[in-house]
């Protein structure tokens, strides 16, 4: 017991010499700040992940819509080519229908372009956040190791 007590006393003196209380308080404060920083960045990363998923779903929906409109425009154009010119009212209606479909297709293509650009920007932001989280986590682990704290 005396040997153990003496050994612990020597270790305590050694540790006291290695870290003064102010350094310890500063490192604990930095550690708490860094932990909060990591948590904040992780929260932002999760939110950005949700945004990415929503944008990807929107993009898939727009691709389906574009395909449907392309098929409808093609079908209307083929009907116009097959229809006799004697039925002008039906031809006029079909032309109007095709024009509406083409307008919708153009609008969908614009939206598709906009969402694709947003998705690309969001992906870059996500990758940057991911790198920031990795760096902050590494820094925090290094601080913990320097303090001798268990991870």
N, C-alpha and C. Protein backbone atom coordinates (compact mmCIF):
# COMPACT_ATOMS: atom_id res chain seq x y z
N UNK A 1 0.83 -1.19 0.00
CA UNK A 1 0.00 0.00 0.00
C UNK A 1 0.87 1.25 0.00
N UNK A 2 1.96 1.23 0.85
CA UNK A 2 2.87 2.38 0.89
C UNK A 2 3.56 2.58 -0.45
N UNK A 3 3.95 1.48 -1.07
CA UNK A 3 4.62 1.57 -2.38
C UNK A 3 3.67 2.15 -3.41
N UNK A 4 2.44 1.68 -3.41
CA UNK A 4 1.44 2.16 -4.34
C UNK A 4 1.15 3.64 -4.09
N UNK A 5 1.01 4.01 -2.84
CA UNK A 5 0.76 5.40 -2.47
C UNK A 5 1.91 6.29 -2.92
N UNK A 6 3.13 5.83 -2.67
CA UNK A 6 4.32 6.58 -3.08
C UNK A 6 4.35 6.72 -4.61
N UNK A 7 4.04 5.65 -5.31
CA UNK A 7 4.04 5.66 -6.78
C UNK A 7 2.99 6.64 -7.32
N UNK A 8 1.80 6.61 -6.73
CA UNK A 8 0.75 7.52 -7.16
C UNK A 8 1.12 8.98 -6.86
N UNK A 9 1.76 9.19 -5.72
CA UNK A 9 2.19 10.53 -5.35
C UNK A 9 3.21 11.07 -6.36
N UNK A 10 4.16 10.22 -6.75
CA UNK A 10 5.18 10.63 -7.73
C UNK A 10 4.53 10.94 -9.08
N UNK A 11 3.55 10.12 -9.47
CA UNK A 11 2.85 10.36 -10.74
C UNK A 11 2.09 11.67 -10.70
N UNK A 12 1.47 11.95 -9.56
CA UNK A 12 0.72 13.19 -9.42
C UNK A 12 1.64 14.40 -9.49
N UNK A 13 2.79 14.33 -8.84
CA UNK A 13 3.76 15.42 -8.90
C UNK A 13 4.24 15.61 -10.34
N UNK A 14 4.51 14.51 -11.01
CA UNK A 14 4.96 14.57 -12.40
C UNK A 14 3.89 15.24 -13.27
N UNK A 15 2.64 14.83 -13.11
CA UNK A 15 1.55 15.40 -13.91
C UNK A 15 1.35 16.88 -13.59
N UNK A 16 1.50 17.24 -12.31
CA UNK A 16 1.38 18.65 -11.93
C UNK A 16 2.43 19.50 -12.62
N UNK A 17 3.62 18.95 -12.76
CA UNK A 17 4.69 19.69 -13.43
C UNK A 17 4.44 19.78 -14.94
N UNK A 18 3.80 18.76 -15.49
CA UNK A 18 3.55 18.74 -16.93
C UNK A 18 2.45 19.72 -17.35
N UNK A 19 1.41 19.79 -16.55
CA UNK A 19 0.27 20.63 -16.89
C UNK A 19 -0.06 21.50 -15.70
N UNK A 20 0.00 22.82 -15.90
CA UNK A 20 -0.45 23.66 -14.81
C UNK A 20 -1.96 23.86 -14.96
N UNK A 21 -2.65 24.24 -13.91
CA UNK A 21 -4.12 24.31 -13.95
C UNK A 21 -4.67 25.21 -15.05
N UNK A 22 -3.97 26.32 -15.33
CA UNK A 22 -4.47 27.21 -16.37
C UNK A 22 -4.41 26.54 -17.74
N UNK A 23 -3.32 25.83 -18.01
CA UNK A 23 -3.21 25.10 -19.29
C UNK A 23 -4.31 24.06 -19.38
N UNK A 24 -4.57 23.38 -18.29
CA UNK A 24 -5.59 22.33 -18.28
C UNK A 24 -6.97 22.94 -18.54
N UNK A 25 -7.25 24.07 -17.86
CA UNK A 25 -8.54 24.74 -18.07
C UNK A 25 -8.66 25.19 -19.52
N UNK A 26 -7.59 25.77 -20.05
CA UNK A 26 -7.61 26.22 -21.44
C UNK A 26 -7.83 25.07 -22.40
N UNK A 27 -7.15 23.97 -22.17
CA UNK A 27 -7.29 22.83 -23.08
C UNK A 27 -8.68 22.21 -22.96
N UNK A 28 -9.24 22.19 -21.75
CA UNK A 28 -10.60 21.68 -21.58
C UNK A 28 -11.61 22.59 -22.26
N UNK A 29 -11.39 23.90 -22.13
CA UNK A 29 -12.27 24.87 -22.77
C UNK A 29 -12.19 24.72 -24.29
N UNK A 30 -10.96 24.60 -24.83
CA UNK A 30 -10.79 24.40 -26.27
C UNK A 30 -11.46 23.11 -26.70
N UNK A 31 -11.30 22.07 -25.89
CA UNK A 31 -11.89 20.77 -26.21
C UNK A 31 -13.41 20.89 -26.28
N UNK A 32 -14.01 21.57 -25.31
CA UNK A 32 -15.47 21.75 -25.31
C UNK A 32 -15.92 22.54 -26.53
N UNK A 33 -15.17 23.60 -26.85
CA UNK A 33 -15.49 24.40 -28.02
C UNK A 33 -15.37 23.56 -29.28
N UNK A 34 -14.31 22.78 -29.37
CA UNK A 34 -14.10 21.93 -30.55
C UNK A 34 -15.17 20.85 -30.66
N UNK A 35 -15.58 20.29 -29.51
CA UNK A 35 -16.66 19.30 -29.53
C UNK A 35 -17.95 19.93 -30.06
N UNK A 36 -18.25 21.13 -29.58
CA UNK A 36 -19.45 21.84 -30.05
C UNK A 36 -19.34 22.14 -31.54
N UNK A 37 -18.13 22.49 -31.98
CA UNK A 37 -17.89 22.77 -33.40
C UNK A 37 -18.15 21.52 -34.24
N UNK A 38 -17.66 20.39 -33.78
CA UNK A 38 -17.88 19.13 -34.50
C UNK A 38 -19.37 18.81 -34.55
N UNK A 39 -20.06 18.97 -33.41
CA UNK A 39 -21.49 18.69 -33.36
C UNK A 39 -22.27 19.61 -34.29
N UNK A 40 -21.90 20.89 -34.32
CA UNK A 40 -22.56 21.85 -35.20
C UNK A 40 -22.36 21.46 -36.66
N UNK A 41 -21.13 21.12 -37.00
CA UNK A 41 -20.83 20.74 -38.38
C UNK A 41 -21.54 19.44 -38.76
N UNK A 42 -21.63 18.51 -37.83
CA UNK A 42 -22.36 17.26 -38.10
C UNK A 42 -23.84 17.54 -38.33
N UNK A 43 -24.41 18.44 -37.56
CA UNK A 43 -25.82 18.81 -37.75
C UNK A 43 -26.03 19.44 -39.12
N UNK A 44 -25.13 20.34 -39.50
CA UNK A 44 -25.22 20.96 -40.82
C UNK A 44 -25.07 19.92 -41.91
N UNK A 45 -24.18 18.95 -41.70
CA UNK A 45 -23.97 17.89 -42.68
C UNK A 45 -25.24 17.06 -42.84
N UNK A 46 -25.90 16.74 -41.74
CA UNK A 46 -27.16 15.98 -41.80
C UNK A 46 -28.23 16.77 -42.54
N UNK A 47 -28.34 18.06 -42.26
CA UNK A 47 -29.32 18.89 -42.95
C UNK A 47 -29.03 18.95 -44.45
N UNK A 48 -27.77 19.10 -44.80
CA UNK A 48 -27.39 19.15 -46.21
C UNK A 48 -27.68 17.82 -46.89
N UNK A 49 -27.52 16.72 -46.15
CA UNK A 49 -27.83 15.40 -46.70
C UNK A 49 -29.33 15.30 -47.03
N UNK A 50 -30.17 15.83 -46.15
CA UNK A 50 -31.62 15.83 -46.40
C UNK A 50 -31.94 16.66 -47.64
N UNK A 51 -31.30 17.81 -47.77
CA UNK A 51 -31.52 18.67 -48.93
C UNK A 51 -31.11 17.94 -50.21
N UNK A 52 -29.96 17.27 -50.16
CA UNK A 52 -29.48 16.52 -51.33
C UNK A 52 -30.48 15.44 -51.74
N UNK A 53 -31.01 14.73 -50.77
CA UNK A 53 -31.97 13.67 -51.07
C UNK A 53 -33.24 14.24 -51.72
N UNK A 54 -33.71 15.35 -51.20
CA UNK A 54 -34.90 15.99 -51.77
C UNK A 54 -34.62 16.46 -53.20
N UNK A 55 -33.45 17.05 -53.42
CA UNK A 55 -33.10 17.52 -54.75
C UNK A 55 -32.97 16.35 -55.73
N UNK A 56 -32.40 15.24 -55.27
CA UNK A 56 -32.27 14.06 -56.13
C UNK A 56 -33.65 13.50 -56.49
N UNK A 57 -34.56 13.48 -55.52
CA UNK A 57 -35.93 13.02 -55.80
C UNK A 57 -36.61 13.94 -56.81
N UNK A 58 -36.44 15.24 -56.62
CA UNK A 58 -37.02 16.23 -57.54
C UNK A 58 -36.46 16.03 -58.95
N UNK A 59 -35.16 15.78 -59.04
CA UNK A 59 -34.51 15.56 -60.33
C UNK A 59 -35.08 14.31 -61.02
N UNK A 60 -35.26 13.24 -60.27
CA UNK A 60 -35.84 12.02 -60.84
C UNK A 60 -37.27 12.27 -61.32
N UNK A 61 -38.03 13.00 -60.54
CA UNK A 61 -39.41 13.32 -60.92
C UNK A 61 -39.42 14.14 -62.21
N UNK A 62 -38.53 15.11 -62.32
CA UNK A 62 -38.47 15.94 -63.52
C UNK A 62 -38.04 15.13 -64.75
N UNK A 63 -37.13 14.18 -64.56
CA UNK A 63 -36.73 13.32 -65.67
C UNK A 63 -37.93 12.49 -66.16
N UNK A 64 -38.71 11.97 -65.23
CA UNK A 64 -39.91 11.20 -65.61
C UNK A 64 -40.90 12.09 -66.35
N UNK A 65 -41.10 13.29 -65.81
CA UNK A 65 -42.03 14.24 -66.43
C UNK A 65 -41.56 14.61 -67.83
N UNK A 66 -40.28 14.84 -67.98
CA UNK A 66 -39.71 15.19 -69.28
C UNK A 66 -39.95 14.06 -70.29
N UNK A 67 -39.70 12.85 -69.86
CA UNK A 67 -39.90 11.69 -70.74
C UNK A 67 -41.37 11.58 -71.16
N UNK A 68 -42.27 11.77 -70.21
CA UNK A 68 -43.70 11.69 -70.51
C UNK A 68 -44.10 12.77 -71.52
N UNK A 69 -43.62 13.99 -71.30
CA UNK A 69 -43.95 15.09 -72.22
C UNK A 69 -43.35 14.87 -73.60
N UNK A 70 -42.11 14.38 -73.66
CA UNK A 70 -41.49 14.10 -74.95
C UNK A 70 -42.31 13.07 -75.73
N UNK A 71 -42.76 12.04 -75.04
CA UNK A 71 -43.57 11.00 -75.67
C UNK A 71 -44.89 11.58 -76.17
N UNK A 72 -45.52 12.44 -75.37
CA UNK A 72 -46.80 13.05 -75.75
C UNK A 72 -46.62 13.99 -76.94
N UNK A 73 -45.55 14.78 -76.96
CA UNK A 73 -45.29 15.69 -78.09
C UNK A 73 -45.06 14.88 -79.36
N UNK A 74 -44.28 13.84 -79.25
CA UNK A 74 -44.01 12.98 -80.42
C UNK A 74 -45.30 12.36 -80.94
N UNK A 75 -46.12 11.89 -80.03
CA UNK A 75 -47.39 11.28 -80.41
C UNK A 75 -48.30 12.29 -81.10
N UNK A 76 -48.41 13.49 -80.55
CA UNK A 76 -49.24 14.54 -81.15
C UNK A 76 -48.71 14.92 -82.52
N UNK A 77 -47.40 14.99 -82.67
CA UNK A 77 -46.80 15.33 -83.97
C UNK A 77 -47.09 14.24 -85.01
N UNK A 78 -47.01 13.00 -84.57
CA UNK A 78 -47.30 11.89 -85.49
C UNK A 78 -48.77 11.91 -85.91
N UNK A 79 -49.66 12.20 -84.97
CA UNK A 79 -51.09 12.28 -85.29
C UNK A 79 -51.33 13.38 -86.30
N UNK A 80 -50.64 14.52 -86.13
CA UNK A 80 -50.80 15.62 -87.07
C UNK A 80 -50.36 15.20 -88.47
N UNK A 81 -49.28 14.45 -88.54
CA UNK A 81 -48.78 14.00 -89.84
C UNK A 81 -49.70 13.01 -90.51
N UNK A 82 -50.42 12.24 -89.72
CA UNK A 82 -51.31 11.21 -90.26
C UNK A 82 -52.71 11.74 -90.57
N UNK A 83 -53.06 12.87 -89.97
CA UNK A 83 -54.42 13.38 -90.10
C UNK A 83 -54.61 14.05 -91.46
N UNK A 84 -55.80 13.89 -91.99
CA UNK A 84 -56.09 14.54 -93.26
C UNK A 84 -56.35 16.02 -93.03
N UNK A 85 -56.07 16.80 -93.99
CA UNK A 85 -56.23 18.25 -93.85
C UNK A 85 -57.68 18.71 -93.97
N UNK A 86 -58.59 17.77 -94.20
CA UNK A 86 -60.00 18.14 -94.36
C UNK A 86 -60.65 18.50 -93.03
N UNK A 87 -60.18 17.94 -91.92
CA UNK A 87 -60.77 18.21 -90.62
C UNK A 87 -59.97 19.29 -89.90
N UNK A 88 -60.22 20.52 -90.29
CA UNK A 88 -59.40 21.63 -89.76
C UNK A 88 -59.62 21.89 -88.28
N UNK A 89 -60.82 21.67 -87.77
CA UNK A 89 -61.09 21.90 -86.33
C UNK A 89 -60.29 20.91 -85.49
N UNK A 90 -60.27 19.65 -85.88
CA UNK A 90 -59.51 18.63 -85.15
C UNK A 90 -58.02 18.89 -85.28
N UNK A 91 -57.59 19.31 -86.48
CA UNK A 91 -56.18 19.61 -86.70
C UNK A 91 -55.75 20.80 -85.82
N UNK A 92 -56.60 21.83 -85.82
CA UNK A 92 -56.30 23.01 -84.99
C UNK A 92 -56.20 22.64 -83.52
N UNK A 93 -57.09 21.81 -83.03
CA UNK A 93 -57.09 21.37 -81.63
C UNK A 93 -55.81 20.58 -81.32
N UNK A 94 -55.43 19.72 -82.27
CA UNK A 94 -54.23 18.91 -82.08
C UNK A 94 -52.97 19.78 -82.07
N UNK A 95 -52.94 20.79 -82.92
CA UNK A 95 -51.80 21.73 -82.95
C UNK A 95 -51.70 22.48 -81.63
N UNK A 96 -52.85 22.92 -81.12
CA UNK A 96 -52.85 23.62 -79.82
C UNK A 96 -52.38 22.69 -78.70
N UNK A 97 -52.86 21.46 -78.75
CA UNK A 97 -52.46 20.48 -77.73
C UNK A 97 -50.94 20.24 -77.80
N UNK A 98 -50.42 20.09 -79.00
CA UNK A 98 -48.97 19.88 -79.17
C UNK A 98 -48.19 21.09 -78.66
N UNK A 99 -48.68 22.29 -78.98
CA UNK A 99 -48.00 23.52 -78.53
C UNK A 99 -47.96 23.61 -77.00
N UNK A 100 -49.07 23.24 -76.36
CA UNK A 100 -49.13 23.25 -74.89
C UNK A 100 -48.13 22.24 -74.33
N UNK A 101 -48.09 21.06 -74.95
CA UNK A 101 -47.15 20.02 -74.51
C UNK A 101 -45.70 20.48 -74.70
N UNK A 102 -45.42 21.12 -75.82
CA UNK A 102 -44.05 21.62 -76.07
C UNK A 102 -43.67 22.71 -75.07
N UNK A 103 -44.62 23.55 -74.75
CA UNK A 103 -44.37 24.60 -73.76
C UNK A 103 -44.07 23.98 -72.39
N UNK A 104 -44.85 22.96 -72.03
CA UNK A 104 -44.62 22.25 -70.77
C UNK A 104 -43.27 21.56 -70.77
N UNK A 105 -42.90 20.99 -71.91
CA UNK A 105 -41.60 20.32 -72.04
C UNK A 105 -40.46 21.32 -71.86
N UNK A 106 -40.61 22.48 -72.48
CA UNK A 106 -39.58 23.52 -72.35
C UNK A 106 -39.45 23.98 -70.90
N UNK A 107 -40.58 24.16 -70.26
CA UNK A 107 -40.59 24.58 -68.85
C UNK A 107 -39.94 23.51 -67.97
N UNK A 108 -40.25 22.25 -68.24
CA UNK A 108 -39.66 21.14 -67.47
C UNK A 108 -38.16 21.08 -67.68
N UNK A 109 -37.71 21.30 -68.91
CA UNK A 109 -36.26 21.29 -69.19
C UNK A 109 -35.55 22.42 -68.45
N UNK A 110 -36.18 23.60 -68.38
CA UNK A 110 -35.59 24.71 -67.63
C UNK A 110 -35.47 24.35 -66.14
N UNK A 111 -36.55 23.79 -65.60
CA UNK A 111 -36.57 23.39 -64.19
C UNK A 111 -35.54 22.29 -63.93
N UNK A 112 -35.42 21.38 -64.87
CA UNK A 112 -34.43 20.30 -64.77
C UNK A 112 -33.01 20.88 -64.71
N UNK A 113 -32.75 21.86 -65.54
CA UNK A 113 -31.44 22.52 -65.55
C UNK A 113 -31.18 23.24 -64.23
N UNK A 114 -32.20 23.94 -63.73
CA UNK A 114 -32.06 24.69 -62.47
C UNK A 114 -31.78 23.74 -61.31
N UNK A 115 -32.56 22.65 -61.22
CA UNK A 115 -32.40 21.71 -60.12
C UNK A 115 -31.06 20.99 -60.22
N UNK A 116 -30.62 20.69 -61.44
CA UNK A 116 -29.31 20.04 -61.62
C UNK A 116 -28.19 20.95 -61.11
N UNK A 117 -28.29 22.24 -61.44
CA UNK A 117 -27.29 23.21 -60.97
C UNK A 117 -27.30 23.31 -59.44
N UNK A 118 -28.51 23.35 -58.85
CA UNK A 118 -28.63 23.39 -57.39
C UNK A 118 -28.03 22.14 -56.75
N UNK A 119 -28.31 21.00 -57.37
CA UNK A 119 -27.81 19.73 -56.84
C UNK A 119 -26.28 19.70 -56.88
N UNK A 120 -25.70 20.17 -57.97
CA UNK A 120 -24.24 20.21 -58.08
C UNK A 120 -23.64 21.12 -57.02
N UNK A 121 -24.27 22.27 -56.79
CA UNK A 121 -23.79 23.21 -55.76
C UNK A 121 -23.92 22.57 -54.38
N UNK A 122 -25.04 21.92 -54.13
CA UNK A 122 -25.25 21.25 -52.84
C UNK A 122 -24.25 20.13 -52.62
N UNK A 123 -23.91 19.41 -53.68
CA UNK A 123 -22.91 18.33 -53.56
C UNK A 123 -21.55 18.91 -53.17
N UNK A 124 -21.18 20.02 -53.79
CA UNK A 124 -19.90 20.67 -53.43
C UNK A 124 -19.92 21.12 -51.97
N UNK A 125 -21.03 21.72 -51.54
CA UNK A 125 -21.15 22.16 -50.15
C UNK A 125 -21.09 20.97 -49.20
N UNK A 126 -21.75 19.88 -49.57
CA UNK A 126 -21.74 18.67 -48.74
C UNK A 126 -20.32 18.14 -48.60
N UNK A 127 -19.60 18.07 -49.71
CA UNK A 127 -18.22 17.56 -49.68
C UNK A 127 -17.33 18.46 -48.82
N UNK A 128 -17.54 19.78 -48.90
CA UNK A 128 -16.75 20.70 -48.08
C UNK A 128 -17.08 20.52 -46.60
N UNK A 129 -18.36 20.40 -46.28
CA UNK A 129 -18.77 20.16 -44.89
C UNK A 129 -18.20 18.85 -44.37
N UNK A 130 -18.21 17.83 -45.22
CA UNK A 130 -17.68 16.52 -44.84
C UNK A 130 -16.19 16.64 -44.51
N UNK A 131 -15.46 17.40 -45.34
CA UNK A 131 -14.03 17.61 -45.09
C UNK A 131 -13.82 18.39 -43.80
N UNK A 132 -14.66 19.40 -43.56
CA UNK A 132 -14.56 20.20 -42.33
C UNK A 132 -14.81 19.33 -41.09
N UNK A 133 -15.81 18.46 -41.17
CA UNK A 133 -16.11 17.57 -40.03
C UNK A 133 -14.95 16.63 -39.78
N UNK A 134 -14.38 16.08 -40.83
CA UNK A 134 -13.25 15.16 -40.69
C UNK A 134 -12.06 15.87 -40.05
N UNK A 135 -11.77 17.08 -40.51
CA UNK A 135 -10.66 17.85 -39.95
C UNK A 135 -10.91 18.21 -38.48
N UNK A 136 -12.11 18.69 -38.18
CA UNK A 136 -12.44 19.06 -36.80
C UNK A 136 -12.39 17.84 -35.88
N UNK A 137 -12.86 16.72 -36.37
CA UNK A 137 -12.84 15.48 -35.58
C UNK A 137 -11.40 15.04 -35.33
N UNK A 138 -10.57 15.12 -36.34
CA UNK A 138 -9.15 14.75 -36.20
C UNK A 138 -8.47 15.66 -35.18
N UNK A 139 -8.73 16.96 -35.27
CA UNK A 139 -8.15 17.91 -34.32
C UNK A 139 -8.59 17.60 -32.89
N UNK A 140 -9.86 17.28 -32.73
CA UNK A 140 -10.38 16.97 -31.41
C UNK A 140 -9.73 15.70 -30.85
N UNK A 141 -9.60 14.69 -31.69
CA UNK A 141 -8.96 13.44 -31.24
C UNK A 141 -7.50 13.68 -30.85
N UNK A 142 -6.82 14.53 -31.62
CA UNK A 142 -5.42 14.85 -31.28
C UNK A 142 -5.34 15.56 -29.94
N UNK A 143 -6.28 16.46 -29.67
CA UNK A 143 -6.31 17.15 -28.38
C UNK A 143 -6.57 16.16 -27.25
N UNK A 144 -7.48 15.25 -27.47
CA UNK A 144 -7.78 14.26 -26.44
C UNK A 144 -6.57 13.37 -26.18
N UNK A 145 -5.89 12.97 -27.23
CA UNK A 145 -4.69 12.16 -27.06
C UNK A 145 -3.61 12.93 -26.31
N UNK A 146 -3.48 14.21 -26.62
CA UNK A 146 -2.46 15.03 -25.95
C UNK A 146 -2.77 15.16 -24.45
N UNK A 147 -4.04 15.16 -24.11
CA UNK A 147 -4.42 15.25 -22.71
C UNK A 147 -4.39 13.90 -22.02
N UNK A 148 -4.27 12.87 -22.82
CA UNK A 148 -4.25 11.52 -22.25
C UNK A 148 -5.63 11.02 -21.92
N UNK A 149 -6.66 11.67 -22.50
CA UNK A 149 -8.05 11.26 -22.23
C UNK A 149 -8.37 10.03 -23.05
N UNK A 150 -9.17 9.16 -22.49
CA UNK A 150 -9.62 8.00 -23.29
C UNK A 150 -10.55 8.46 -24.40
N UNK A 151 -10.45 7.85 -25.55
CA UNK A 151 -11.29 8.26 -26.67
C UNK A 151 -12.61 7.57 -26.57
